[in-house]
Amino acid sequence: MVQKGKGILAADESLPTITKRFNAVGVECTEESRRAYRALLLTAAGVGEYLSGAILFEETLGQTTDDGMPLPQAAERQGIVPGVKVDKGKVALANAQGDMVTQGLDGLADRLQAYKT
């Protein structure tokens, strides 16, 4: 996924995180604004010269460019390998005040199979 001289785009912000980013610049966080933002990132002219991979949020897998191309395919057209964030975020660890644990192993095999198709 990594090529010499190129980076990886982490475009896998959770809904709360991307909402904070959009609010900070006065953009309403809707499914359409998120789609348009992600499409812009993945279709910018020449972006594939600088990126070898992109980690996407699950919602992105079902989103398309303005002309209907699935966003993962738009990344591939730029020579960018699309990946997907598979965890389900952090939650408090039971009986461990202040400690957090990442959730998402339950059902992971089924989600991975769905991502593949």
PDB file of N, CA and C in Angstrom:
ATOM      1  N   MET A   1       0.823  -1.194   0.000  1.00  0.00           N
ATOM      2  CA  MET A   1       0.000   0.000   0.000  1.00  0.00           C
ATOM      3  C   MET A   1       0.871   1.263   0.000  1.00  0.00           C
ATOM      4  N   VAL A   2       2.094   1.141   0.470  1.00  0.00           N
ATOM      5  CA  VAL A   2       2.971   2.308   0.532  1.00  0.00           C
ATOM      6  C   VAL A   2       3.991   2.237  -0.598  1.00  0.00           C
ATOM      7  N   GLN A   3       4.141   3.338  -1.304  1.00  0.00           N
ATOM      8  CA  GLN A   3       5.142   3.436  -2.358  1.00  0.00           C
ATOM      9  C   GLN A   3       6.136   4.527  -1.981  1.00  0.00           C
ATOM     10  N   LYS A   4       7.363   4.346  -2.349  1.00  0.00           N
ATOM     11  CA  LYS A   4       8.401   5.314  -2.023  1.00  0.00           C
ATOM     12  C   LYS A   4       8.011   6.707  -2.521  1.00  0.00           C
ATOM     13  N   GLY A   5       8.105   7.677  -1.625  1.00  0.00           N
ATOM     14  CA  GLY A   5       7.805   9.062  -1.980  1.00  0.00           C
ATOM     15  C   GLY A   5       6.341   9.431  -1.949  1.00  0.00           C
ATOM     16  N   LYS A   6       5.471   8.490  -1.576  1.00  0.00           N
ATOM     17  CA  LYS A   6       4.040   8.767  -1.513  1.00  0.00           C
ATOM     18  C   LYS A   6       3.523   8.501  -0.108  1.00  0.00           C
ATOM     19  N   GLY A   7       2.415   9.127   0.219  1.00  0.00           N
ATOM     20  CA  GLY A   7       1.828   8.963   1.536  1.00  0.00           C
ATOM     21  C   GLY A   7       0.511   8.216   1.497  1.00  0.00           C
ATOM     22  N   ILE A   8      -0.069   8.089   2.677  1.00  0.00           N
ATOM     23  CA  ILE A   8      -1.387   7.463   2.832  1.00  0.00           C
ATOM     24  C   ILE A   8      -2.325   8.511   3.402  1.00  0.00           C
ATOM     25  N   LEU A   9      -3.488   8.647   2.800  1.00  0.00           N
ATOM     26  CA  LEU A   9      -4.507   9.573   3.275  1.00  0.00           C
ATOM     27  C   LEU A   9      -5.407   8.855   4.274  1.00  0.00           C
ATOM     28  N   ALA A  10      -5.472   9.351   5.490  1.00  0.00           N
ATOM     29  CA  ALA A  10      -6.379   8.806   6.491  1.00  0.00           C
ATOM     30  C   ALA A  10      -7.669   9.614   6.442  1.00  0.00           C
ATOM     31  N   ALA A  11      -8.597   9.170   5.605  1.00  0.00           N
ATOM     32  CA  ALA A  11      -9.891   9.840   5.440  1.00  0.00           C
ATOM     33  C   ALA A  11     -10.982   9.005   6.097  1.00  0.00           C
ATOM     34  N   ASP A  12     -10.664   8.503   7.279  1.00  0.00           N
ATOM     35  CA  ASP A  12     -11.558   7.568   7.962  1.00  0.00           C
ATOM     36  C   ASP A  12     -12.191   8.184   9.210  1.00  0.00           C
ATOM     37  N   GLU A  13     -12.395   9.505   9.192  1.00  0.00           N
ATOM     38  CA  GLU A  13     -12.979  10.167  10.354  1.00  0.00           C
ATOM     39  C   GLU A  13     -14.357   9.593  10.671  1.00  0.00           C
ATOM     40  N   SER A  14     -14.573   9.337  11.956  1.00  0.00           N
ATOM     41  CA  SER A  14     -15.891   8.905  12.407  1.00  0.00           C
ATOM     42  C   SER A  14     -16.867  10.069  12.238  1.00  0.00           C
ATOM     43  N   LEU A  15     -18.141   9.792  12.350  1.00  0.00           N
ATOM     44  CA  LEU A  15     -19.139  10.862  12.199  1.00  0.00           C
ATOM     45  C   LEU A  15     -18.943  11.980  13.226  1.00  0.00           C
ATOM     46  N   PRO A  16     -18.695  11.666  14.506  1.00  0.00           N
ATOM     47  CA  PRO A  16     -18.449  12.776  15.443  1.00  0.00           C
ATOM     48  C   PRO A  16     -17.207  13.603  15.086  1.00  0.00           C
ATOM     49  N   THR A  17     -16.151  12.958  14.618  1.00  0.00           N
ATOM     50  CA  THR A  17     -14.920  13.678  14.286  1.00  0.00           C
ATOM     51  C   THR A  17     -15.102  14.553  13.060  1.00  0.00           C
ATOM     52  N   ILE A  18     -15.705  14.035  12.006  1.00  0.00           N
ATOM     53  CA  ILE A  18     -15.885  14.845  10.798  1.00  0.00           C
ATOM     54  C   ILE A  18     -16.890  15.974  11.052  1.00  0.00           C
ATOM     55  N   THR A  19     -17.856  15.725  11.940  1.00  0.00           N
ATOM     56  CA  THR A  19     -18.801  16.788  12.300  1.00  0.00           C
ATOM     57  C   THR A  19     -18.054  17.942  12.965  1.00  0.00           C
ATOM     58  N   LYS A  20     -17.137  17.635  13.877  1.00  0.00           N
ATOM     59  CA  LYS A  20     -16.334  18.680  14.533  1.00  0.00           C
ATOM     60  C   LYS A  20     -15.509  19.455  13.510  1.00  0.00           C
ATOM     61  N   ARG A  21     -14.905  18.746  12.567  1.00  0.00           N
ATOM     62  CA  ARG A  21     -14.081  19.412  11.545  1.00  0.00           C
ATOM     63  C   ARG A  21     -14.929  20.338  10.674  1.00  0.00           C
ATOM     64  N   PHE A  22     -16.086  19.857  10.254  1.00  0.00           N
ATOM     65  CA  PHE A  22     -16.955  20.676   9.411  1.00  0.00           C
ATOM     66  C   PHE A  22     -17.482  21.877  10.191  1.00  0.00           C
ATOM     67  N   ASN A  23     -17.920  21.657  11.434  1.00  0.00           N
ATOM     68  CA  ASN A  23     -18.439  22.762  12.250  1.00  0.00           C
ATOM     69  C   ASN A  23     -17.387  23.850  12.428  1.00  0.00           C
ATOM     70  N   ALA A  24     -16.124  23.453  12.569  1.00  0.00           N
ATOM     71  CA  ALA A  24     -15.044  24.414  12.780  1.00  0.00           C
ATOM     72  C   ALA A  24     -14.875  25.372  11.602  1.00  0.00           C
ATOM     73  N   VAL A  25     -15.299  24.956  10.415  1.00  0.00           N
ATOM     74  CA  VAL A  25     -15.169  25.818   9.229  1.00  0.00           C
ATOM     75  C   VAL A  25     -16.534  26.262   8.701  1.00  0.00           C
ATOM     76  N   GLY A  26     -17.584  26.039   9.504  1.00  0.00           N
ATOM     77  CA  GLY A  26     -18.913  26.521   9.139  1.00  0.00           C
ATOM     78  C   GLY A  26     -19.622  25.719   8.062  1.00  0.00           C
ATOM     79  N   VAL A  27     -19.276  24.445   7.933  1.00  0.00           N
ATOM     80  CA  VAL A  27     -19.929  23.587   6.939  1.00  0.00           C
ATOM     81  C   VAL A  27     -20.876  22.647   7.672  1.00  0.00           C
ATOM     82  N   GLU A  28     -22.129  22.593   7.219  1.00  0.00           N
ATOM     83  CA  GLU A  28     -23.093  21.667   7.809  1.00  0.00           C
ATOM     84  C   GLU A  28     -22.674  20.240   7.467  1.00  0.00           C
ATOM     85  N   CYS A  29     -22.668  19.383   8.467  1.00  0.00           N
ATOM     86  CA  CYS A  29     -22.253  17.998   8.261  1.00  0.00           C
ATOM     87  C   CYS A  29     -23.465  17.147   7.907  1.00  0.00           C
ATOM     88  N   THR A  30     -23.626  16.913   6.626  1.00  0.00           N
ATOM     89  CA  THR A  30     -24.704  16.060   6.130  1.00  0.00           C
ATOM     90  C   THR A  30     -24.062  14.926   5.333  1.00  0.00           C
ATOM     91  N   GLU A  31     -24.835  13.916   5.013  1.00  0.00           N
ATOM     92  CA  GLU A  31     -24.283  12.838   4.189  1.00  0.00           C
ATOM     93  C   GLU A  31     -23.783  13.394   2.858  1.00  0.00           C
ATOM     94  N   GLU A  32     -24.507  14.344   2.292  1.00  0.00           N
ATOM     95  CA  GLU A  32     -24.098  14.926   1.010  1.00  0.00           C
ATOM     96  C   GLU A  32     -22.812  15.739   1.143  1.00  0.00           C
ATOM     97  N   SER A  33     -22.675  16.532   2.201  1.00  0.00           N
ATOM     98  CA  SER A  33     -21.441  17.316   2.344  1.00  0.00           C
ATOM     99  C   SER A  33     -20.246  16.403   2.594  1.00  0.00           C
ATOM    100  N   ARG A  34     -20.449  15.316   3.334  1.00  0.00           N
ATOM    101  CA  ARG A  34     -19.369  14.359   3.546  1.00  0.00           C
ATOM    102  C   ARG A  34     -18.988  13.675   2.232  1.00  0.00           C
ATOM    103  N   ARG A  35     -19.985  13.305   1.442  1.00  0.00           N
ATOM    104  CA  ARG A  35     -19.732  12.671   0.148  1.00  0.00           C
ATOM    105  C   ARG A  35     -18.949  13.617  -0.763  1.00  0.00           C
ATOM    106  N   ALA A  36     -19.386  14.864  -0.829  1.00  0.00           N
ATOM    107  CA  ALA A  36     -18.721  15.837  -1.697  1.00  0.00           C
ATOM    108  C   ALA A  36     -17.275  16.069  -1.259  1.00  0.00           C
ATOM    109  N   TYR A  37     -17.045  16.143   0.045  1.00  0.00           N
ATOM    110  CA  TYR A  37     -15.693  16.334   0.579  1.00  0.00           C
ATOM    111  C   TYR A  37     -14.804  15.152   0.220  1.00  0.00           C
ATOM    112  N   ARG A  38     -15.293  13.957   0.435  1.00  0.00           N
ATOM    113  CA  ARG A  38     -14.493  12.762   0.139  1.00  0.00           C
ATOM    114  C   ARG A  38     -14.245  12.631  -1.361  1.00  0.00           C
ATOM    115  N   ALA A  39     -15.255  12.962  -2.160  1.00  0.00           N
ATOM    116  CA  ALA A  39     -15.082  12.912  -3.615  1.00  0.00           C
ATOM    117  C   ALA A  39     -14.003  13.900  -4.046  1.00  0.00           C
ATOM    118  N   LEU A  40     -14.002  15.081  -3.457  1.00  0.00           N
ATOM    119  CA  LEU A  40     -12.986  16.079  -3.778  1.00  0.00           C
ATOM    120  C   LEU A  40     -11.590  15.550  -3.459  1.00  0.00           C
ATOM    121  N   LEU A  41     -11.441  14.934  -2.288  1.00  0.00           N
ATOM    122  CA  LEU A  41     -10.136  14.392  -1.900  1.00  0.00           C
ATOM    123  C   LEU A  41      -9.638  13.336  -2.887  1.00  0.00           C
ATOM    124  N   LEU A  42     -10.546  12.471  -3.337  1.00  0.00           N
ATOM    125  CA  LEU A  42     -10.145  11.318  -4.145  1.00  0.00           C
ATOM    126  C   LEU A  42     -10.102  11.585  -5.641  1.00  0.00           C
ATOM    127  N   THR A  43     -10.650  12.718  -6.070  1.00  0.00           N
ATOM    128  CA  THR A  43     -10.672  13.009  -7.506  1.00  0.00           C
ATOM    129  C   THR A  43      -9.855  14.242  -7.880  1.00  0.00           C
ATOM    130  N   ALA A  44      -9.204  14.871  -6.919  1.00  0.00           N
ATOM    131  CA  ALA A  44      -8.388  16.049  -7.222  1.00  0.00           C
ATOM    132  C   ALA A  44      -7.340  15.680  -8.270  1.00  0.00           C
ATOM    133  N   ALA A  45      -7.185  16.536  -9.239  1.00  0.00           N
ATOM    134  CA  ALA A  45      -6.233  16.274 -10.319  1.00  0.00           C
ATOM    135  C   ALA A  45      -4.839  16.022  -9.767  1.00  0.00           C
ATOM    136  N   GLY A  46      -4.259  14.884 -10.138  1.00  0.00           N
ATOM    137  CA  GLY A  46      -2.893  14.562  -9.769  1.00  0.00           C
ATOM    138  C   GLY A  46      -2.682  14.027  -8.370  1.00  0.00           C
ATOM    139  N   VAL A  47      -3.755  13.814  -7.608  1.00  0.00           N
ATOM    140  CA  VAL A  47      -3.583  13.361  -6.222  1.00  0.00           C
ATOM    141  C   VAL A  47      -2.848  12.021  -6.144  1.00  0.00           C
ATOM    142  N   GLY A  48      -2.996  11.194  -7.157  1.00  0.00           N
ATOM    143  CA  GLY A  48      -2.318   9.909  -7.177  1.00  0.00           C
ATOM    144  C   GLY A  48      -0.800  10.014  -7.290  1.00  0.00           C
ATOM    145  N   GLU A  49      -0.299  11.195  -7.657  1.00  0.00           N
ATOM    146  CA  GLU A  49       1.148  11.407  -7.694  1.00  0.00           C
ATOM    147  C   GLU A  49       1.733  11.470  -6.283  1.00  0.00           C
ATOM    148  N   TYR A  50       0.875  11.749  -5.300  1.00  0.00           N
ATOM    149  CA  TYR A  50       1.337  11.978  -3.929  1.00  0.00           C
ATOM    150  C   TYR A  50       0.831  10.946  -2.927  1.00  0.00           C
ATOM    151  N   LEU A  51      -0.219  10.210  -3.301  1.00  0.00           N
ATOM    152  CA  LEU A  51      -0.804   9.223  -2.404  1.00  0.00           C
ATOM    153  C   LEU A  51      -0.728   7.836  -3.013  1.00  0.00           C
ATOM    154  N   SER A  52      -0.382   6.861  -2.193  1.00  0.00           N
ATOM    155  CA  SER A  52      -0.401   5.479  -2.656  1.00  0.00           C
ATOM    156  C   SER A  52      -1.596   4.726  -2.094  1.00  0.00           C
ATOM    157  N   GLY A  53      -2.166   5.223  -0.995  1.00  0.00           N
ATOM    158  CA  GLY A  53      -3.301   4.553  -0.385  1.00  0.00           C
ATOM    159  C   GLY A  53      -4.188   5.529   0.360  1.00  0.00           C
ATOM    160  N   ALA A  54      -5.418   5.111   0.602  1.00  0.00           N
ATOM    161  CA  ALA A  54      -6.364   5.923   1.365  1.00  0.00           C
ATOM    162  C   ALA A  54      -7.170   5.001   2.277  1.00  0.00           C
ATOM    163  N   ILE A  55      -7.201   5.354   3.553  1.00  0.00           N
ATOM    164  CA  ILE A  55      -8.030   4.631   4.508  1.00  0.00           C
ATOM    165  C   ILE A  55      -9.374   5.353   4.551  1.00  0.00           C
ATOM    166  N   LEU A  56     -10.420   4.638   4.217  1.00  0.00           N
ATOM    167  CA  LEU A  56     -11.753   5.231   4.106  1.00  0.00           C
ATOM    168  C   LEU A  56     -12.637   4.828   5.273  1.00  0.00           C
ATOM    169  N   PHE A  57     -13.612   5.670   5.564  1.00  0.00           N
ATOM    170  CA  PHE A  57     -14.647   5.368   6.549  1.00  0.00           C
ATOM    171  C   PHE A  57     -15.695   4.497   5.854  1.00  0.00           C
ATOM    172  N   GLU A  58     -16.325   3.617   6.588  1.00  0.00           N
ATOM    173  CA  GLU A  58     -17.280   2.666   6.007  1.00  0.00           C
ATOM    174  C   GLU A  58     -18.338   3.352   5.137  1.00  0.00           C
ATOM    175  N   GLU A  59     -18.826   4.497   5.566  1.00  0.00           N
ATOM    176  CA  GLU A  59     -19.845   5.228   4.803  1.00  0.00           C
ATOM    177  C   GLU A  59     -19.372   5.528   3.384  1.00  0.00           C
ATOM    178  N   THR A  60     -18.076   5.754   3.216  1.00  0.00           N
ATOM    179  CA  THR A  60     -17.506   6.119   1.922  1.00  0.00           C
ATOM    180  C   THR A  60     -17.678   5.016   0.888  1.00  0.00           C
ATOM    181  N   LEU A  61     -17.729   3.770   1.341  1.00  0.00           N
ATOM    182  CA  LEU A  61     -17.825   2.655   0.400  1.00  0.00           C
ATOM    183  C   LEU A  61     -19.088   2.714  -0.449  1.00  0.00           C
ATOM    184  N   GLY A  62     -20.141   3.313   0.071  1.00  0.00           N
ATOM    185  CA  GLY A  62     -21.391   3.419  -0.671  1.00  0.00           C
ATOM    186  C   GLY A  62     -21.587   4.760  -1.347  1.00  0.00           C
ATOM    187  N   GLN A  63     -20.594   5.633  -1.269  1.00  0.00           N
ATOM    188  CA  GLN A  63     -20.725   6.961  -1.857  1.00  0.00           C
ATOM    189  C   GLN A  63     -20.096   7.005  -3.243  1.00  0.00           C
ATOM    190  N   THR A  64     -20.533   7.983  -4.036  1.00  0.00           N
ATOM    191  CA  THR A  64     -20.070   8.098  -5.413  1.00  0.00           C
ATOM    192  C   THR A  64     -19.610   9.520  -5.716  1.00  0.00           C
ATOM    193  N   THR A  65     -18.898   9.658  -6.828  1.00  0.00           N
ATOM    194  CA  THR A  65     -18.540  10.972  -7.348  1.00  0.00           C
ATOM    195  C   THR A  65     -19.809  11.614  -7.916  1.00  0.00           C
ATOM    196  N   ASP A  66     -19.685  12.862  -8.325  1.00  0.00           N
ATOM    197  CA  ASP A  66     -20.845  13.555  -8.899  1.00  0.00           C
ATOM    198  C   ASP A  66     -21.398  12.838 -10.121  1.00  0.00           C
ATOM    199  N   ASP A  67     -20.538  12.137 -10.863  1.00  0.00           N
ATOM    200  CA  ASP A  67     -21.013  11.435 -12.056  1.00  0.00           C
ATOM    201  C   ASP A  67     -21.336   9.960 -11.804  1.00  0.00           C
ATOM    202  N   GLY A  68     -21.395   9.564 -10.516  1.00  0.00           N
ATOM    203  CA  GLY A  68     -21.873   8.227 -10.173  1.00  0.00           C
ATOM    204  C   GLY A  68     -20.835   7.136  -9.982  1.00  0.00           C
ATOM    205  N   MET A  69     -19.549   7.462 -10.064  1.00  0.00           N
ATOM    206  CA  MET A  69     -18.507   6.448  -9.870  1.00  0.00           C
ATOM    207  C   MET A  69     -18.327   6.198  -8.368  1.00  0.00           C
ATOM    208  N   PRO A  70     -18.313   4.937  -7.940  1.00  0.00           N
ATOM    209  CA  PRO A  70     -18.050   4.650  -6.528  1.00  0.00           C
ATOM    210  C   PRO A  70     -16.709   5.252  -6.099  1.00  0.00           C
ATOM    211  N   LEU A  71     -16.669   5.852  -4.911  1.00  0.00           N
ATOM    212  CA  LEU A  71     -15.448   6.522  -4.459  1.00  0.00           C
ATOM    213  C   LEU A  71     -14.236   5.599  -4.381  1.00  0.00           C
ATOM    214  N   PRO A  72     -14.383   4.336  -3.932  1.00  0.00           N
ATOM    215  CA  PRO A  72     -13.196   3.475  -3.974  1.00  0.00           C
ATOM    216  C   PRO A  72     -12.649   3.306  -5.393  1.00  0.00           C
ATOM    217  N   GLN A  73     -13.536   3.233  -6.379  1.00  0.00           N
ATOM    218  CA  GLN A  73     -13.100   3.107  -7.774  1.00  0.00           C
ATOM    219  C   GLN A  73     -12.426   4.402  -8.240  1.00  0.00           C
ATOM    220  N   ALA A  74     -12.931   5.542  -7.784  1.00  0.00           N
ATOM    221  CA  ALA A  74     -12.305   6.822  -8.134  1.00  0.00           C
ATOM    222  C   ALA A  74     -10.869   6.868  -7.600  1.00  0.00           C
ATOM    223  N   ALA A  75     -10.669   6.340  -6.389  1.00  0.00           N
ATOM    224  CA  ALA A  75      -9.317   6.279  -5.827  1.00  0.00           C
ATOM    225  C   ALA A  75      -8.427   5.387  -6.693  1.00  0.00           C
ATOM    226  N   GLU A  76      -8.937   4.232  -7.052  1.00  0.00           N
ATOM    227  CA  GLU A  76      -8.162   3.296  -7.875  1.00  0.00           C
ATOM    228  C   GLU A  76      -7.772   3.925  -9.210  1.00  0.00           C
ATOM    229  N   ARG A  77      -8.652   4.696  -9.791  1.00  0.00           N
ATOM    230  CA  ARG A  77      -8.350   5.360 -11.078  1.00  0.00           C
ATOM    231  C   ARG A  77      -7.176   6.319 -10.954  1.00  0.00           C
ATOM    232  N   GLN A  78      -6.954   6.816  -9.729  1.00  0.00           N
ATOM    233  CA  GLN A  78      -5.831   7.718  -9.484  1.00  0.00           C
ATOM    234  C   GLN A  78      -4.571   6.939  -9.109  1.00  0.00           C
ATOM    235  N   GLY A  79      -4.678   5.604  -9.063  1.00  0.00           N
ATOM    236  CA  GLY A  79      -3.549   4.789  -8.648  1.00  0.00           C
ATOM    237  C   GLY A  79      -3.433   4.664  -7.133  1.00  0.00           C
ATOM    238  N   ILE A  80      -4.514   4.985  -6.435  1.00  0.00           N
ATOM    239  CA  ILE A  80      -4.547   4.949  -4.975  1.00  0.00           C
ATOM    240  C   ILE A  80      -5.258   3.673  -4.542  1.00  0.00           C
ATOM    241  N   VAL A  81      -4.630   2.919  -3.653  1.00  0.00           N
ATOM    242  CA  VAL A  81      -5.239   1.694  -3.136  1.00  0.00           C
ATOM    243  C   VAL A  81      -6.213   2.079  -2.016  1.00  0.00           C
ATOM    244  N   PRO A  82      -7.508   1.783  -2.190  1.00  0.00           N
ATOM    245  CA  PRO A  82      -8.454   2.108  -1.128  1.00  0.00           C
ATOM    246  C   PRO A  82      -8.502   1.012  -0.070  1.00  0.00           C
ATOM    247  N   GLY A  83      -8.570   1.429   1.169  1.00  0.00           N
ATOM    248  CA  GLY A  83      -8.758   0.519   2.296  1.00  0.00           C
ATOM    249  C   GLY A  83      -9.911   1.037   3.129  1.00  0.00           C
ATOM    250  N   VAL A  84     -10.300   0.300   4.140  1.00  0.00           N
ATOM    251  CA  VAL A  84     -11.416   0.734   4.978  1.00  0.00           C
ATOM    252  C   VAL A  84     -11.079   0.520   6.448  1.00  0.00           C
ATOM    253  N   LYS A  85     -11.471   1.484   7.247  1.00  0.00           N
ATOM    254  CA  LYS A  85     -11.319   1.390   8.699  1.00  0.00           C
ATOM    255  C   LYS A  85     -12.326   0.352   9.185  1.00  0.00           C
ATOM    256  N   VAL A  86     -11.856  -0.658   9.896  1.00  0.00           N
ATOM    257  CA  VAL A  86     -12.765  -1.749  10.278  1.00  0.00           C
ATOM    258  C   VAL A  86     -13.185  -1.725  11.735  1.00  0.00           C
ATOM    259  N   ASP A  87     -12.558  -0.865  12.554  1.00  0.00           N
ATOM    260  CA  ASP A  87     -13.004  -0.839  13.948  1.00  0.00           C
ATOM    261  C   ASP A  87     -14.281  -0.011  14.070  1.00  0.00           C
ATOM    262  N   LYS A  88     -14.940  -0.132  15.207  1.00  0.00           N
ATOM    263  CA  LYS A  88     -16.210   0.562  15.445  1.00  0.00           C
ATOM    264  C   LYS A  88     -16.065   1.660  16.491  1.00  0.00           C
ATOM    265  N   GLY A  89     -14.847   2.120  16.708  1.00  0.00           N
ATOM    266  CA  GLY A  89     -14.619   3.217  17.644  1.00  0.00           C
ATOM    267  C   GLY A  89     -14.281   2.736  19.044  1.00  0.00           C
ATOM    268  N   LYS A  90     -14.050   3.714  19.925  1.00  0.00           N
ATOM    269  CA  LYS A  90     -13.653   3.410  21.300  1.00  0.00           C
ATOM    270  C   LYS A  90     -14.845   3.495  22.241  1.00  0.00           C
ATOM    271  N   VAL A  91     -14.802   2.667  23.252  1.00  0.00           N
ATOM    272  CA  VAL A  91     -15.784   2.700  24.342  1.00  0.00           C
ATOM    273  C   VAL A  91     -15.031   2.529  25.653  1.00  0.00           C
ATOM    274  N   ALA A  92     -15.684   2.927  26.728  1.00  0.00           N
ATOM    275  CA  ALA A  92     -15.077   2.775  28.042  1.00  0.00           C
ATOM    276  C   ALA A  92     -14.914   1.296  28.371  1.00  0.00           C
ATOM    277  N   LEU A  93     -13.772   0.946  28.950  1.00  0.00           N
ATOM    278  CA  LEU A  93     -13.499  -0.416  29.381  1.00  0.00           C
ATOM    279  C   LEU A  93     -14.162  -0.628  30.735  1.00  0.00           C
ATOM    280  N   ALA A  94     -14.976  -1.667  30.826  1.00  0.00           N
ATOM    281  CA  ALA A  94     -15.704  -1.952  32.061  1.00  0.00           C
ATOM    282  C   ALA A  94     -14.756  -2.111  33.239  1.00  0.00           C
ATOM    283  N   ASN A  95     -15.124  -1.525  34.346  1.00  0.00           N
ATOM    284  CA  ASN A  95     -14.366  -1.628  35.602  1.00  0.00           C
ATOM    285  C   ASN A  95     -12.941  -1.096  35.510  1.00  0.00           C
ATOM    286  N   ALA A  96     -12.688  -0.197  34.577  1.00  0.00           N
ATOM    287  CA  ALA A  96     -11.354   0.386  34.429  1.00  0.00           C
ATOM    288  C   ALA A  96     -11.512   1.872  34.129  1.00  0.00           C
ATOM    289  N   GLN A  97     -11.848   2.637  35.155  1.00  0.00           N
ATOM    290  CA  GLN A  97     -12.165   4.052  34.999  1.00  0.00           C
ATOM    291  C   GLN A  97     -11.099   4.795  34.192  1.00  0.00           C
ATOM    292  N   GLY A  98     -11.543   5.439  33.138  1.00  0.00           N
ATOM    293  CA  GLY A  98     -10.656   6.220  32.292  1.00  0.00           C
ATOM    294  C   GLY A  98     -10.000   5.448  31.164  1.00  0.00           C
ATOM    295  N   ASP A  99     -10.063   4.131  31.207  1.00  0.00           N
ATOM    296  CA  ASP A  99      -9.458   3.329  30.136  1.00  0.00           C
ATOM    297  C   ASP A  99     -10.472   3.080  29.022  1.00  0.00           C
ATOM    298  N   MET A 100      -9.972   3.058  27.816  1.00  0.00           N
ATOM    299  CA  MET A 100     -10.816   2.849  26.647  1.00  0.00           C
ATOM    300  C   MET A 100     -10.367   1.588  25.915  1.00  0.00           C
ATOM    301  N   VAL A 101     -11.287   1.006  25.163  1.00  0.00           N
ATOM    302  CA  VAL A 101     -10.981  -0.161  24.352  1.00  0.00           C
ATOM    303  C   VAL A 101     -11.654   0.022  22.993  1.00  0.00           C
ATOM    304  N   THR A 102     -10.999  -0.459  21.953  1.00  0.00           N
ATOM    305  CA  THR A 102     -11.567  -0.380  20.614  1.00  0.00           C
ATOM    306  C   THR A 102     -12.528  -1.540  20.418  1.00  0.00           C
ATOM    307  N   GLN A 103     -13.695  -1.232  19.885  1.00  0.00           N
ATOM    308  CA  GLN A 103     -14.676  -2.281  19.624  1.00  0.00           C
ATOM    309  C   GLN A 103     -14.755  -2.554  18.125  1.00  0.00           C
ATOM    310  N   GLY A 104     -15.339  -3.680  17.769  1.00  0.00           N
ATOM    311  CA  GLY A 104     -15.529  -3.982  16.362  1.00  0.00           C
ATOM    312  C   GLY A 104     -15.108  -5.369  15.937  1.00  0.00           C
ATOM    313  N   LEU A 105     -14.582  -6.179  16.861  1.00  0.00           N
ATOM    314  CA  LEU A 105     -14.223  -7.541  16.470  1.00  0.00           C
ATOM    315  C   LEU A 105     -15.463  -8.398  16.246  1.00  0.00           C
ATOM    316  N   ASP A 106     -16.523  -8.142  17.019  1.00  0.00           N
ATOM    317  CA  ASP A 106     -17.771  -8.882  16.812  1.00  0.00           C
ATOM    318  C   ASP A 106     -18.318  -8.555  15.424  1.00  0.00           C
ATOM    319  N   GLY A 107     -18.543  -9.551  14.633  1.00  0.00           N
ATOM    320  CA  GLY A 107     -19.097  -9.351  13.297  1.00  0.00           C
ATOM    321  C   GLY A 107     -18.093  -8.902  12.249  1.00  0.00           C
ATOM    322  N   LEU A 108     -16.816  -8.855  12.610  1.00  0.00           N
ATOM    323  CA  LEU A 108     -15.804  -8.376  11.672  1.00  0.00           C
ATOM    324  C   LEU A 108     -15.734  -9.234  10.410  1.00  0.00           C
ATOM    325  N   ALA A 109     -15.787 -10.535  10.551  1.00  0.00           N
ATOM    326  CA  ALA A 109     -15.695 -11.414   9.373  1.00  0.00           C
ATOM    327  C   ALA A 109     -16.813 -11.113   8.375  1.00  0.00           C
ATOM    328  N   ASP A 110     -18.018 -10.908   8.873  1.00  0.00           N
ATOM    329  CA  ASP A 110     -19.145 -10.600   7.983  1.00  0.00           C
ATOM    330  C   ASP A 110     -18.966  -9.242   7.317  1.00  0.00           C
ATOM    331  N   ARG A 111     -18.499  -8.245   8.082  1.00  0.00           N
ATOM    332  CA  ARG A 111     -18.280  -6.913   7.508  1.00  0.00           C
ATOM    333  C   ARG A 111     -17.193  -6.964   6.441  1.00  0.00           C
ATOM    334  N   LEU A 112     -16.119  -7.708   6.702  1.00  0.00           N
ATOM    335  CA  LEU A 112     -15.045  -7.803   5.713  1.00  0.00           C
ATOM    336  C   LEU A 112     -15.533  -8.444   4.416  1.00  0.00           C
ATOM    337  N   GLN A 113     -16.363  -9.450   4.546  1.00  0.00           N
ATOM    338  CA  GLN A 113     -16.934 -10.091   3.352  1.00  0.00           C
ATOM    339  C   GLN A 113     -17.777  -9.099   2.576  1.00  0.00           C
ATOM    340  N   ALA A 114     -18.559  -8.277   3.268  1.00  0.00           N
ATOM    341  CA  ALA A 114     -19.394  -7.275   2.596  1.00  0.00           C
ATOM    342  C   ALA A 114     -18.530  -6.201   1.944  1.00  0.00           C
ATOM    343  N   TYR A 115     -17.431  -5.805   2.590  1.00  0.00           N
ATOM    344  CA  TYR A 115     -16.543  -4.784   2.013  1.00  0.00           C
ATOM    345  C   TYR A 115     -15.914  -5.301   0.724  1.00  0.00           C
ATOM    346  N   LYS A 116     -15.628  -6.580   0.689  1.00  0.00           N
ATOM    347  CA  LYS A 116     -14.960  -7.175  -0.473  1.00  0.00           C
ATOM    348  C   LYS A 116     -15.838  -7.126  -1.715  1.00  0.00           C
ATOM    349  N   THR A 117     -17.134  -7.208  -1.547  1.00  0.00           N
ATOM    350  CA  THR A 117     -18.035  -7.252  -2.706  1.00  0.00           C
ATOM    351  C   THR A 117     -18.435  -5.907  -3.211  1.00  0.00           C
TER     352      THR A 117
END
